[in-house]
Amino acid sequence: MSDELDQAKFGKNKLNATMLGKLLVIAVLMFGFGYALVPIYKQICELTGVNILTPKDISAKEISNSQIDRSREVTIEFDANTQGPWRFRPTVSSMKVHPGEMAQVVYEVVNKQSYKMDAQAIPSYAPQQASAYFKKMECFCFKQQTLEANEARQMPVVFYIDPALPKDVKTITLSYTFFEVGGKPKAVDKGA
């Protein structure tokens, strides 16, 4: 009976060893398949044209923004108005841009007071219909500005003109009114 028991154990051990061998082979094949999948995926993507951002034979200099309408120019005039004790003005009075082209203008502001002030700018456009086509990517008018006493600051406006701008609009005026937010600070007792 012990021989039968030994043979049963030996048979079980042999089956276990065979099963372990098969599982190791499957694990190695799965790892190999996963490792080979990356170059296979790249080849499939190249053949089908999927997941390729730019063809390899085009240099970065040759890539241009196809959204720019180079057939026309729009003159952008810049204006500044103040309601308060500061100097506020654009660094240039106008520029020519192609619709769709990114551009930047800088406005300068100087607080001429001896105390800190909070201010904000509100834009307006002429002609009024141009406001729907004047797209600002960065603008100081989006947030309140705190200017320290006698502080000077340069504030950029990054924008583009939507190419859908009607062709009869040749000039757009961007005007900002810069005004104080809140009231004047309370008087400070000089003896304190």
N, C-alpha and C. Protein backbone atom coordinates (compact mmCIF):
# COMPACT_ATOMS: atom_id res chain seq x y z
N MET A 1 0.81 -1.17 0.00
CA MET A 1 0.00 0.00 0.00
C MET A 1 0.87 1.26 0.00
N SER A 2 2.03 1.13 0.66
CA SER A 2 2.91 2.28 0.68
C SER A 2 3.48 2.55 -0.70
N ASP A 3 3.65 1.47 -1.53
CA ASP A 3 4.12 1.70 -2.89
C ASP A 3 3.08 2.47 -3.70
N GLU A 4 1.83 2.16 -3.50
CA GLU A 4 0.75 2.84 -4.22
C GLU A 4 0.68 4.30 -3.78
N LEU A 5 0.88 4.49 -2.48
CA LEU A 5 0.85 5.85 -1.95
C LEU A 5 2.03 6.67 -2.49
N ASP A 6 3.21 6.04 -2.54
CA ASP A 6 4.39 6.71 -3.07
C ASP A 6 4.20 7.04 -4.55
N GLN A 7 3.58 6.11 -5.29
CA GLN A 7 3.35 6.36 -6.72
C GLN A 7 2.33 7.48 -6.90
N ALA A 8 1.33 7.55 -6.04
CA ALA A 8 0.32 8.61 -6.13
C ALA A 8 0.96 9.97 -5.85
N LYS A 9 1.84 10.00 -4.82
CA LYS A 9 2.54 11.25 -4.51
C LYS A 9 3.46 11.64 -5.66
N PHE A 10 4.16 10.62 -6.21
CA PHE A 10 5.07 10.89 -7.31
C PHE A 10 4.29 11.39 -8.52
N GLY A 11 3.12 10.80 -8.78
CA GLY A 11 2.28 11.23 -9.89
C GLY A 11 1.77 12.64 -9.70
N LYS A 12 1.39 12.95 -8.45
CA LYS A 12 0.92 14.32 -8.14
C LYS A 12 2.06 15.32 -8.30
N ASN A 13 3.23 14.95 -7.80
CA ASN A 13 4.38 15.84 -7.92
C ASN A 13 4.74 16.07 -9.38
N LYS A 14 4.64 14.99 -10.18
CA LYS A 14 4.93 15.11 -11.61
C LYS A 14 3.91 16.01 -12.29
N LEU A 15 2.63 15.86 -11.91
CA LEU A 15 1.59 16.74 -12.47
C LEU A 15 1.81 18.19 -12.05
N ASN A 16 2.20 18.39 -10.80
CA ASN A 16 2.47 19.75 -10.31
C ASN A 16 3.66 20.35 -11.04
N ALA A 17 4.70 19.54 -11.24
CA ALA A 17 5.89 20.04 -11.95
C ALA A 17 5.54 20.36 -13.40
N THR A 18 4.72 19.54 -14.03
CA THR A 18 4.29 19.79 -15.41
C THR A 18 3.46 21.07 -15.48
N MET A 19 2.54 21.22 -14.52
CA MET A 19 1.70 22.44 -14.49
C MET A 19 2.56 23.68 -14.26
N LEU A 20 3.53 23.60 -13.35
CA LEU A 20 4.42 24.73 -13.09
C LEU A 20 5.21 25.09 -14.35
N GLY A 21 5.68 24.07 -15.06
CA GLY A 21 6.41 24.32 -16.30
C GLY A 21 5.55 25.03 -17.33
N LYS A 22 4.30 24.57 -17.49
CA LYS A 22 3.38 25.21 -18.44
C LYS A 22 3.09 26.66 -18.06
N LEU A 23 2.87 26.89 -16.76
CA LEU A 23 2.60 28.26 -16.30
C LEU A 23 3.80 29.18 -16.51
N LEU A 24 5.01 28.66 -16.29
CA LEU A 24 6.22 29.47 -16.54
C LEU A 24 6.35 29.81 -18.02
N VAL A 25 6.09 28.84 -18.88
CA VAL A 25 6.14 29.09 -20.33
C VAL A 25 5.11 30.15 -20.72
N ILE A 26 3.89 30.04 -20.18
CA ILE A 26 2.84 31.03 -20.49
C ILE A 26 3.26 32.42 -19.99
N ALA A 27 3.83 32.49 -18.76
CA ALA A 27 4.26 33.78 -18.21
C ALA A 27 5.35 34.39 -19.08
N VAL A 28 6.33 33.58 -19.52
CA VAL A 28 7.41 34.08 -20.37
C VAL A 28 6.85 34.56 -21.71
N LEU A 29 5.92 33.79 -22.29
CA LEU A 29 5.31 34.20 -23.56
C LEU A 29 4.51 35.49 -23.41
N MET A 30 3.79 35.65 -22.31
CA MET A 30 3.02 36.88 -22.08
C MET A 30 3.96 38.08 -21.92
N PHE A 31 5.05 37.90 -21.18
CA PHE A 31 6.01 38.98 -21.02
C PHE A 31 6.63 39.35 -22.37
N GLY A 32 7.00 38.34 -23.14
CA GLY A 32 7.59 38.58 -24.47
C GLY A 32 6.62 39.29 -25.38
N PHE A 33 5.34 38.89 -25.35
CA PHE A 33 4.33 39.54 -26.18
C PHE A 33 4.16 41.00 -25.78
N GLY A 34 4.10 41.25 -24.45
CA GLY A 34 3.97 42.63 -23.97
C GLY A 34 5.17 43.47 -24.36
N TYR A 35 6.36 42.91 -24.30
CA TYR A 35 7.58 43.63 -24.67
C TYR A 35 7.61 43.92 -26.16
N ALA A 36 7.14 42.95 -26.98
CA ALA A 36 7.14 43.12 -28.43
C ALA A 36 5.99 44.00 -28.90
N LEU A 37 5.02 44.25 -28.05
CA LEU A 37 3.84 45.01 -28.45
C LEU A 37 4.17 46.47 -28.77
N VAL A 38 5.15 47.05 -28.08
CA VAL A 38 5.48 48.46 -28.31
C VAL A 38 5.96 48.70 -29.74
N PRO A 39 6.98 47.98 -30.24
CA PRO A 39 7.38 48.23 -31.64
C PRO A 39 6.29 47.83 -32.64
N ILE A 40 5.52 46.79 -32.32
CA ILE A 40 4.43 46.40 -33.22
C ILE A 40 3.40 47.52 -33.29
N TYR A 41 3.07 48.13 -32.14
CA TYR A 41 2.11 49.23 -32.09
C TYR A 41 2.62 50.43 -32.91
N LYS A 42 3.91 50.73 -32.76
CA LYS A 42 4.47 51.84 -33.53
C LYS A 42 4.37 51.59 -35.02
N GLN A 43 4.66 50.37 -35.44
CA GLN A 43 4.57 50.03 -36.87
C GLN A 43 3.13 50.15 -37.38
N ILE A 44 2.19 49.65 -36.59
CA ILE A 44 0.78 49.74 -37.00
C ILE A 44 0.35 51.20 -37.11
N CYS A 45 0.77 52.04 -36.14
CA CYS A 45 0.41 53.46 -36.18
C CYS A 45 1.01 54.15 -37.40
N GLU A 46 2.26 53.82 -37.74
CA GLU A 46 2.88 54.43 -38.92
C GLU A 46 2.18 53.99 -40.20
N LEU A 47 1.81 52.72 -40.28
CA LEU A 47 1.13 52.23 -41.48
C LEU A 47 -0.25 52.84 -41.66
N THR A 48 -0.98 53.01 -40.57
CA THR A 48 -2.35 53.53 -40.66
C THR A 48 -2.42 55.04 -40.57
N GLY A 49 -1.32 55.70 -40.14
CA GLY A 49 -1.32 57.15 -40.01
C GLY A 49 -1.99 57.63 -38.74
N VAL A 50 -2.19 56.74 -37.78
CA VAL A 50 -2.81 57.08 -36.51
C VAL A 50 -1.74 57.54 -35.53
N ASN A 51 -2.07 58.54 -34.72
CA ASN A 51 -1.19 59.00 -33.64
C ASN A 51 0.12 59.61 -34.13
N ILE A 52 0.11 60.19 -35.33
CA ILE A 52 1.29 60.88 -35.83
C ILE A 52 0.92 62.35 -35.91
N LEU A 53 1.62 63.18 -35.14
CA LEU A 53 1.28 64.60 -35.09
C LEU A 53 1.79 65.35 -36.31
N THR A 54 3.02 65.12 -36.70
CA THR A 54 3.58 65.78 -37.88
C THR A 54 4.39 64.77 -38.67
N PRO A 55 4.34 64.86 -39.98
CA PRO A 55 5.19 63.97 -40.77
C PRO A 55 6.66 64.23 -40.46
N LYS A 56 7.49 63.19 -40.60
CA LYS A 56 8.90 63.30 -40.22
C LYS A 56 9.70 64.21 -41.15
N ASP A 57 9.26 64.39 -42.37
CA ASP A 57 10.06 65.16 -43.32
C ASP A 57 9.75 66.66 -43.30
N ILE A 58 8.90 67.13 -42.40
CA ILE A 58 8.60 68.55 -42.30
C ILE A 58 9.34 69.13 -41.12
N SER A 59 10.11 70.19 -41.37
CA SER A 59 10.83 70.83 -40.27
C SER A 59 9.90 71.79 -39.55
N ALA A 60 10.27 72.16 -38.34
CA ALA A 60 9.43 73.05 -37.53
C ALA A 60 9.27 74.41 -38.19
N LYS A 61 10.27 74.85 -38.96
CA LYS A 61 10.18 76.15 -39.62
C LYS A 61 9.11 76.17 -40.71
N GLU A 62 8.85 75.01 -41.30
CA GLU A 62 7.88 74.94 -42.39
C GLU A 62 6.45 74.87 -41.89
N ILE A 63 6.27 74.57 -40.60
CA ILE A 63 4.92 74.48 -40.05
C ILE A 63 4.46 75.89 -39.69
N SER A 64 3.31 76.29 -40.21
CA SER A 64 2.80 77.62 -39.90
C SER A 64 1.34 77.50 -39.49
N ASN A 65 0.84 78.54 -38.89
CA ASN A 65 -0.54 78.55 -38.44
C ASN A 65 -1.43 78.78 -39.66
N SER A 66 -2.23 77.79 -39.97
CA SER A 66 -3.11 77.90 -41.14
C SER A 66 -4.34 78.75 -40.85
N GLN A 67 -4.52 79.17 -39.59
CA GLN A 67 -5.66 79.99 -39.22
C GLN A 67 -5.43 81.47 -39.50
N ILE A 68 -4.21 81.85 -39.84
CA ILE A 68 -3.90 83.26 -40.10
C ILE A 68 -4.33 83.61 -41.52
N ASP A 69 -5.11 84.67 -41.62
CA ASP A 69 -5.55 85.17 -42.92
C ASP A 69 -4.54 86.22 -43.39
N ARG A 70 -3.56 85.78 -44.16
CA ARG A 70 -2.49 86.69 -44.62
C ARG A 70 -2.93 87.56 -45.79
N SER A 71 -4.14 87.35 -46.28
CA SER A 71 -4.61 88.14 -47.41
C SER A 71 -5.08 89.54 -47.01
N ARG A 72 -5.21 89.79 -45.70
CA ARG A 72 -5.65 91.11 -45.26
C ARG A 72 -5.01 91.49 -43.93
N GLU A 73 -5.00 92.80 -43.69
CA GLU A 73 -4.47 93.35 -42.44
C GLU A 73 -5.55 94.20 -41.78
N VAL A 74 -5.54 94.18 -40.47
CA VAL A 74 -6.46 95.00 -39.70
C VAL A 74 -5.59 95.92 -38.84
N THR A 75 -5.90 97.19 -38.82
CA THR A 75 -5.19 98.14 -37.97
C THR A 75 -5.87 98.16 -36.61
N ILE A 76 -5.08 97.95 -35.56
CA ILE A 76 -5.59 98.01 -34.20
C ILE A 76 -5.06 99.29 -33.57
N GLU A 77 -5.96 100.17 -33.16
CA GLU A 77 -5.57 101.41 -32.48
C GLU A 77 -5.78 101.22 -30.98
N PHE A 78 -4.87 101.76 -30.18
CA PHE A 78 -4.93 101.60 -28.73
C PHE A 78 -5.15 102.95 -28.08
N ASP A 79 -6.05 102.96 -27.10
CA ASP A 79 -6.42 104.19 -26.41
C ASP A 79 -6.47 103.91 -24.92
N ALA A 80 -6.24 104.93 -24.11
CA ALA A 80 -6.29 104.77 -22.66
C ALA A 80 -6.94 105.99 -22.04
N ASN A 81 -7.85 105.75 -21.09
CA ASN A 81 -8.52 106.80 -20.33
C ASN A 81 -8.35 106.49 -18.86
N THR A 82 -8.26 107.53 -18.06
CA THR A 82 -8.11 107.30 -16.62
C THR A 82 -9.17 108.07 -15.86
N GLN A 83 -9.55 107.49 -14.74
CA GLN A 83 -10.39 108.18 -13.78
C GLN A 83 -9.69 107.99 -12.45
N GLY A 84 -8.73 108.85 -12.21
CA GLY A 84 -7.95 108.72 -10.99
C GLY A 84 -6.59 109.37 -11.15
N PRO A 85 -5.83 109.35 -10.09
CA PRO A 85 -4.53 110.05 -10.06
C PRO A 85 -3.37 109.17 -10.55
N TRP A 86 -3.37 108.81 -11.80
CA TRP A 86 -2.26 108.04 -12.34
C TRP A 86 -2.06 108.34 -13.81
N ARG A 87 -0.95 107.88 -14.29
CA ARG A 87 -0.67 107.97 -15.72
C ARG A 87 -0.92 106.58 -16.29
N PHE A 88 -1.67 106.51 -17.37
CA PHE A 88 -2.02 105.24 -17.98
C PHE A 88 -2.01 105.42 -19.48
N ARG A 89 -1.21 104.58 -20.18
CA ARG A 89 -1.11 104.75 -21.64
C ARG A 89 -0.57 103.48 -22.29
N PRO A 90 -0.88 103.25 -23.57
CA PRO A 90 -0.27 102.14 -24.29
C PRO A 90 1.14 102.53 -24.74
N THR A 91 2.01 101.54 -24.93
CA THR A 91 3.38 101.84 -25.37
C THR A 91 3.44 102.14 -26.86
N VAL A 92 2.42 101.68 -27.61
CA VAL A 92 2.30 102.02 -29.04
C VAL A 92 0.88 102.50 -29.28
N SER A 93 0.72 103.36 -30.27
CA SER A 93 -0.62 103.88 -30.53
C SER A 93 -1.41 102.99 -31.47
N SER A 94 -0.72 102.20 -32.31
CA SER A 94 -1.43 101.30 -33.23
C SER A 94 -0.47 100.22 -33.75
N MET A 95 -1.07 99.19 -34.32
CA MET A 95 -0.28 98.15 -35.00
C MET A 95 -1.17 97.48 -36.03
N LYS A 96 -0.53 96.88 -37.03
CA LYS A 96 -1.26 96.14 -38.05
C LYS A 96 -1.06 94.65 -37.78
N VAL A 97 -2.18 93.90 -37.83
CA VAL A 97 -2.13 92.46 -37.61
C VAL A 97 -2.95 91.76 -38.69
N HIS A 98 -2.58 90.51 -38.95
CA HIS A 98 -3.39 89.66 -39.82
C HIS A 98 -4.40 88.94 -38.93
N PRO A 99 -5.65 88.83 -39.37
CA PRO A 99 -6.62 88.07 -38.57
C PRO A 99 -6.10 86.65 -38.30
N GLY A 100 -6.21 86.22 -37.04
CA GLY A 100 -5.71 84.91 -36.63
C GLY A 100 -4.31 84.94 -36.06
N GLU A 101 -3.60 86.03 -36.25
CA GLU A 101 -2.21 86.16 -35.79
C GLU A 101 -2.18 86.66 -34.34
N MET A 102 -1.36 86.02 -33.51
CA MET A 102 -1.21 86.47 -32.12
C MET A 102 -0.39 87.76 -32.10
N ALA A 103 -0.79 88.67 -31.24
CA ALA A 103 -0.09 89.95 -31.11
C ALA A 103 -0.10 90.35 -29.64
N GLN A 104 0.77 91.28 -29.30
CA GLN A 104 0.85 91.76 -27.92
C GLN A 104 1.08 93.26 -27.91
N VAL A 105 0.40 93.91 -26.99
CA VAL A 105 0.62 95.33 -26.73
C VAL A 105 0.80 95.46 -25.22
N VAL A 106 1.56 96.47 -24.82
CA VAL A 106 1.83 96.69 -23.40
C VAL A 106 1.27 98.05 -23.01
N TYR A 107 0.55 98.08 -21.90
CA TYR A 107 0.06 99.33 -21.32
C TYR A 107 0.90 99.63 -20.09
N GLU A 108 1.21 100.89 -19.89
CA GLU A 108 1.98 101.32 -18.72
C GLU A 108 1.07 102.10 -17.79
N VAL A 109 1.21 101.85 -16.51
CA VAL A 109 0.45 102.60 -15.52
C VAL A 109 1.42 103.03 -14.42
N VAL A 110 1.22 104.26 -13.93
CA VAL A 110 2.03 104.78 -12.83
C VAL A 110 1.06 105.37 -11.80
N ASN A 111 1.15 104.87 -10.56
CA ASN A 111 0.38 105.43 -9.45
C ASN A 111 1.14 106.68 -8.98
N LYS A 112 0.56 107.85 -9.15
CA LYS A 112 1.25 109.09 -8.78
C LYS A 112 0.93 109.54 -7.36
N GLN A 113 0.29 108.67 -6.59
CA GLN A 113 -0.05 109.00 -5.21
C GLN A 113 0.99 108.45 -4.24
N SER A 114 0.96 108.94 -3.02
CA SER A 114 1.90 108.47 -2.00
C SER A 114 1.28 107.36 -1.15
N TYR A 115 0.23 106.74 -1.66
CA TYR A 115 -0.39 105.62 -0.95
C TYR A 115 -0.83 104.55 -1.96
N LYS A 116 -1.05 103.36 -1.45
CA LYS A 116 -1.45 102.22 -2.27
C LYS A 116 -2.89 102.40 -2.75
N MET A 117 -3.14 101.94 -4.00
CA MET A 117 -4.47 102.04 -4.57
C MET A 117 -4.83 100.76 -5.31
N ASP A 118 -6.11 100.41 -5.27
CA ASP A 118 -6.62 99.28 -6.05
C ASP A 118 -7.37 99.85 -7.25
N ALA A 119 -7.12 99.25 -8.41
CA ALA A 119 -7.73 99.77 -9.63
C ALA A 119 -8.05 98.61 -10.57
N GLN A 120 -8.85 98.93 -11.57
CA GLN A 120 -9.20 97.94 -12.58
C GLN A 120 -9.47 98.65 -13.89
N ALA A 121 -9.28 97.93 -14.98
CA ALA A 121 -9.51 98.50 -16.32
C ALA A 121 -10.70 97.79 -16.96
N ILE A 122 -11.46 98.56 -17.69
CA ILE A 122 -12.59 98.02 -18.44
C ILE A 122 -12.36 98.34 -19.92
N PRO A 123 -12.42 97.31 -20.79
CA PRO A 123 -12.19 97.56 -22.22
C PRO A 123 -13.47 97.97 -22.94
N SER A 124 -13.28 98.67 -24.03
CA SER A 124 -14.38 98.94 -24.96
C SER A 124 -13.78 98.91 -26.37
N TYR A 125 -14.64 98.68 -27.34
CA TYR A 125 -14.19 98.49 -28.71
C TYR A 125 -14.98 99.37 -29.66
N ALA A 126 -14.31 99.80 -30.72
CA ALA A 126 -14.99 100.51 -31.79
C ALA A 126 -14.47 99.95 -33.11
N PRO A 127 -15.33 99.58 -34.02
CA PRO A 127 -16.78 99.54 -33.90
C PRO A 127 -17.21 98.48 -32.89
N GLN A 128 -18.39 98.66 -32.34
CA GLN A 128 -18.87 97.79 -31.27
C GLN A 128 -18.96 96.33 -31.71
N GLN A 129 -19.29 96.07 -32.97
CA GLN A 129 -19.39 94.69 -33.47
C GLN A 129 -18.05 93.97 -33.40
N ALA A 130 -16.94 94.70 -33.33
CA ALA A 130 -15.60 94.09 -33.30
C ALA A 130 -15.34 93.36 -31.99
N SER A 131 -16.08 93.68 -30.94
CA SER A 131 -15.84 93.04 -29.64
C SER A 131 -16.01 91.53 -29.71
N ALA A 132 -16.87 91.05 -30.57
CA ALA A 132 -17.09 89.60 -30.71
C ALA A 132 -15.92 88.92 -31.41
N TYR A 133 -15.06 89.68 -32.10
CA TYR A 133 -13.95 89.10 -32.87
C TYR A 133 -12.59 89.39 -32.24
N PHE A 134 -12.55 90.22 -31.21
CA PHE A 134 -11.30 90.57 -30.53
C PHE A 134 -11.11 89.58 -29.39
N LYS A 135 -10.21 88.63 -29.55
CA LYS A 135 -10.03 87.54 -28.58
C LYS A 135 -8.76 87.79 -27.77
N LYS A 136 -8.94 88.03 -26.46
CA LYS A 136 -7.80 88.28 -25.57
C LYS A 136 -7.39 86.98 -24.88
N MET A 137 -6.12 86.63 -24.98
CA MET A 137 -5.58 85.44 -24.34
C MET A 137 -5.04 85.79 -22.95
N GLU A 138 -4.53 87.00 -22.82
CA GLU A 138 -4.02 87.48 -21.53
C GLU A 138 -4.33 88.96 -21.47
N CYS A 139 -4.85 89.38 -20.32
CA CYS A 139 -5.20 90.79 -20.20
C CYS A 139 -5.23 91.20 -18.73
N PHE A 140 -4.70 92.37 -18.46
CA PHE A 140 -4.72 92.90 -17.09
C PHE A 140 -6.13 93.29 -16.66
N CYS A 141 -7.04 93.42 -17.60
CA CYS A 141 -8.40 93.83 -17.27
C CYS A 141 -9.20 92.71 -16.62
N PHE A 142 -8.67 91.49 -16.62
CA PHE A 142 -9.40 90.38 -16.03
C PHE A 142 -9.35 90.39 -14.51
N LYS A 143 -8.46 91.18 -13.92
CA LYS A 143 -8.35 91.18 -12.47
C LYS A 143 -8.03 92.57 -11.93
N GLN A 144 -8.33 92.75 -10.69
CA GLN A 144 -8.05 94.01 -10.00
C GLN A 144 -6.55 94.16 -9.80
N GLN A 145 -6.05 95.37 -9.99
CA GLN A 145 -4.62 95.66 -9.83
C GLN A 145 -4.40 96.46 -8.54
N THR A 146 -3.39 96.06 -7.78
CA THR A 146 -3.01 96.83 -6.60
C THR A 146 -1.69 97.51 -6.90
N LEU A 147 -1.70 98.83 -6.86
CA LEU A 147 -0.50 99.61 -7.16
C LEU A 147 0.00 100.28 -5.89
N GLU A 148 1.24 100.00 -5.56
CA GLU A 148 1.87 100.63 -4.39
C GLU A 148 2.09 102.11 -4.67
N ALA A 149 2.43 102.85 -3.65
CA ALA A 149 2.69 104.29 -3.80
C ALA A 149 3.80 104.50 -4.82
N ASN A 150 3.56 105.35 -5.80
CA ASN A 150 4.51 105.72 -6.86
C ASN A 150 4.99 104.52 -7.68
N GLU A 151 4.27 103.44 -7.69
CA GLU A 151 4.66 102.26 -8.46
C GLU A 151 4.36 102.45 -9.94
N ALA A 152 5.28 101.99 -10.79
CA ALA A 152 5.08 101.95 -12.23
C ALA A 152 5.03 100.49 -12.64
N ARG A 153 4.12 100.17 -13.55
CA ARG A 153 3.97 98.77 -13.96
C ARG A 153 3.65 98.71 -15.45
N GLN A 154 4.18 97.68 -16.11
CA GLN A 154 3.84 97.41 -17.50
C GLN A 154 2.93 96.18 -17.52
N MET A 155 1.82 96.29 -18.23
CA MET A 155 0.82 95.24 -18.24
C MET A 155 0.52 94.83 -19.69
N PRO A 156 0.76 93.56 -20.03
CA PRO A 156 0.56 93.12 -21.42
C PRO A 156 -0.88 92.72 -21.73
N VAL A 157 -1.21 92.84 -22.99
CA VAL A 157 -2.46 92.30 -23.53
C VAL A 157 -2.05 91.44 -24.72
N VAL A 158 -2.32 90.14 -24.64
CA VAL A 158 -2.04 89.21 -25.74
C VAL A 158 -3.37 88.89 -26.39
N PHE A 159 -3.44 89.07 -27.70
CA PHE A 159 -4.72 88.94 -28.38
C PHE A 159 -4.54 88.44 -29.81
N TYR A 160 -5.68 88.09 -30.42
CA TYR A 160 -5.73 87.86 -31.86
C TYR A 160 -7.11 88.28 -32.33
N ILE A 161 -7.20 88.56 -33.61
CA ILE A 161 -8.47 88.93 -34.23
C ILE A 161 -9.00 87.69 -34.92
N ASP A 162 -10.24 87.31 -34.62
CA ASP A 162 -10.86 86.14 -35.22
C ASP A 162 -10.92 86.33 -36.74
N PRO A 163 -10.44 85.34 -37.51
CA PRO A 163 -10.50 85.47 -38.97
C PRO A 163 -11.92 85.64 -39.53
N ALA A 164 -12.94 85.35 -38.73
CA ALA A 164 -14.32 85.53 -39.18
C ALA A 164 -14.75 87.00 -39.14
N LEU A 165 -13.85 87.90 -38.71
CA LEU A 165 -14.15 89.34 -38.70
C LEU A 165 -14.63 89.76 -40.09
N PRO A 166 -15.75 90.47 -40.17
CA PRO A 166 -16.23 90.92 -41.49
C PRO A 166 -15.15 91.69 -42.25
N LYS A 167 -15.07 91.44 -43.53
CA LYS A 167 -14.00 92.02 -44.37
C LYS A 167 -14.08 93.54 -44.45
N ASP A 168 -15.26 94.13 -44.20
CA ASP A 168 -15.37 95.58 -44.28
C ASP A 168 -14.77 96.28 -43.05
N VAL A 169 -14.47 95.54 -41.99
CA VAL A 169 -13.85 96.14 -40.80
C VAL A 169 -12.34 96.15 -41.00
N LYS A 170 -11.79 97.33 -41.18
CA LYS A 170 -10.36 97.46 -41.45
C LYS A 170 -9.59 98.03 -40.25
N THR A 171 -10.33 98.67 -39.31
CA THR A 171 -9.71 99.29 -38.14
C THR A 171 -10.55 98.96 -36.91
N ILE A 172 -9.86 98.57 -35.84
CA ILE A 172 -10.51 98.34 -34.55
C ILE A 172 -9.79 99.19 -33.52
N THR A 173 -10.54 99.87 -32.68
CA THR A 173 -9.96 100.63 -31.59
C THR A 173 -10.24 99.90 -30.28
N LEU A 174 -9.17 99.61 -29.55
CA LEU A 174 -9.28 99.02 -28.22
C LEU A 174 -9.00 100.14 -27.22
N SER A 175 -9.98 100.43 -26.40
CA SER A 175 -9.85 101.52 -25.44
C SER A 175 -10.06 100.97 -24.04
N TYR A 176 -9.18 101.34 -23.12
CA TYR A 176 -9.32 100.94 -21.72
C TYR A 176 -9.58 102.16 -20.87
N THR A 177 -10.50 102.02 -19.92
CA THR A 177 -10.70 103.04 -18.90
C THR A 177 -10.20 102.43 -17.59
N PHE A 178 -9.22 103.07 -16.99
CA PHE A 178 -8.58 102.59 -15.77
C PHE A 178 -9.10 103.44 -14.62
N PHE A 179 -9.71 102.79 -13.61
CA PHE A 179 -10.34 103.54 -12.53
C PHE A 179 -10.05 102.90 -11.18
N GLU A 180 -10.16 103.70 -10.12
CA GLU A 180 -9.91 103.23 -8.77
C GLU A 180 -11.09 102.38 -8.30
N VAL A 181 -10.78 101.28 -7.63
CA VAL A 181 -11.79 100.40 -7.05
C VAL A 181 -11.82 100.70 -5.56
N GLY A 182 -13.00 100.96 -5.00
CA GLY A 182 -13.10 101.31 -3.58
C GLY A 182 -12.81 102.79 -3.39
N GLY A 183 -12.69 103.20 -2.15
CA GLY A 183 -12.46 104.61 -1.86
C GLY A 183 -11.02 104.90 -1.52
N LYS A 184 -10.75 106.15 -1.20
CA LYS A 184 -9.41 106.54 -0.79
C LYS A 184 -9.14 106.00 0.60
N PRO A 185 -7.87 105.74 0.93
CA PRO A 185 -7.56 105.21 2.26
C PRO A 185 -7.87 106.26 3.34
N LYS A 186 -8.13 105.77 4.56
CA LYS A 186 -8.41 106.67 5.66
C LYS A 186 -7.14 107.44 6.03
N ALA A 187 -7.32 108.64 6.48
CA ALA A 187 -6.17 109.48 6.86
C ALA A 187 -5.46 108.82 8.04
N VAL A 188 -4.14 108.86 8.01
CA VAL A 188 -3.33 108.27 9.07
C VAL A 188 -2.93 109.37 10.04
N ASP A 189 -3.12 109.12 11.32
CA ASP A 189 -2.75 110.09 12.33
C ASP A 189 -1.22 110.15 12.40
N LYS A 190 -0.64 111.32 12.10
CA LYS A 190 0.82 111.45 12.03
C LYS A 190 1.47 111.32 13.40
N GLY A 191 0.73 111.51 14.46
CA GLY A 191 1.30 111.41 15.80
C GLY A 191 1.42 109.95 16.24
N ALA A 192 0.76 109.03 15.56
CA ALA A 192 0.77 107.63 15.99
C ALA A 192 2.07 106.95 15.61
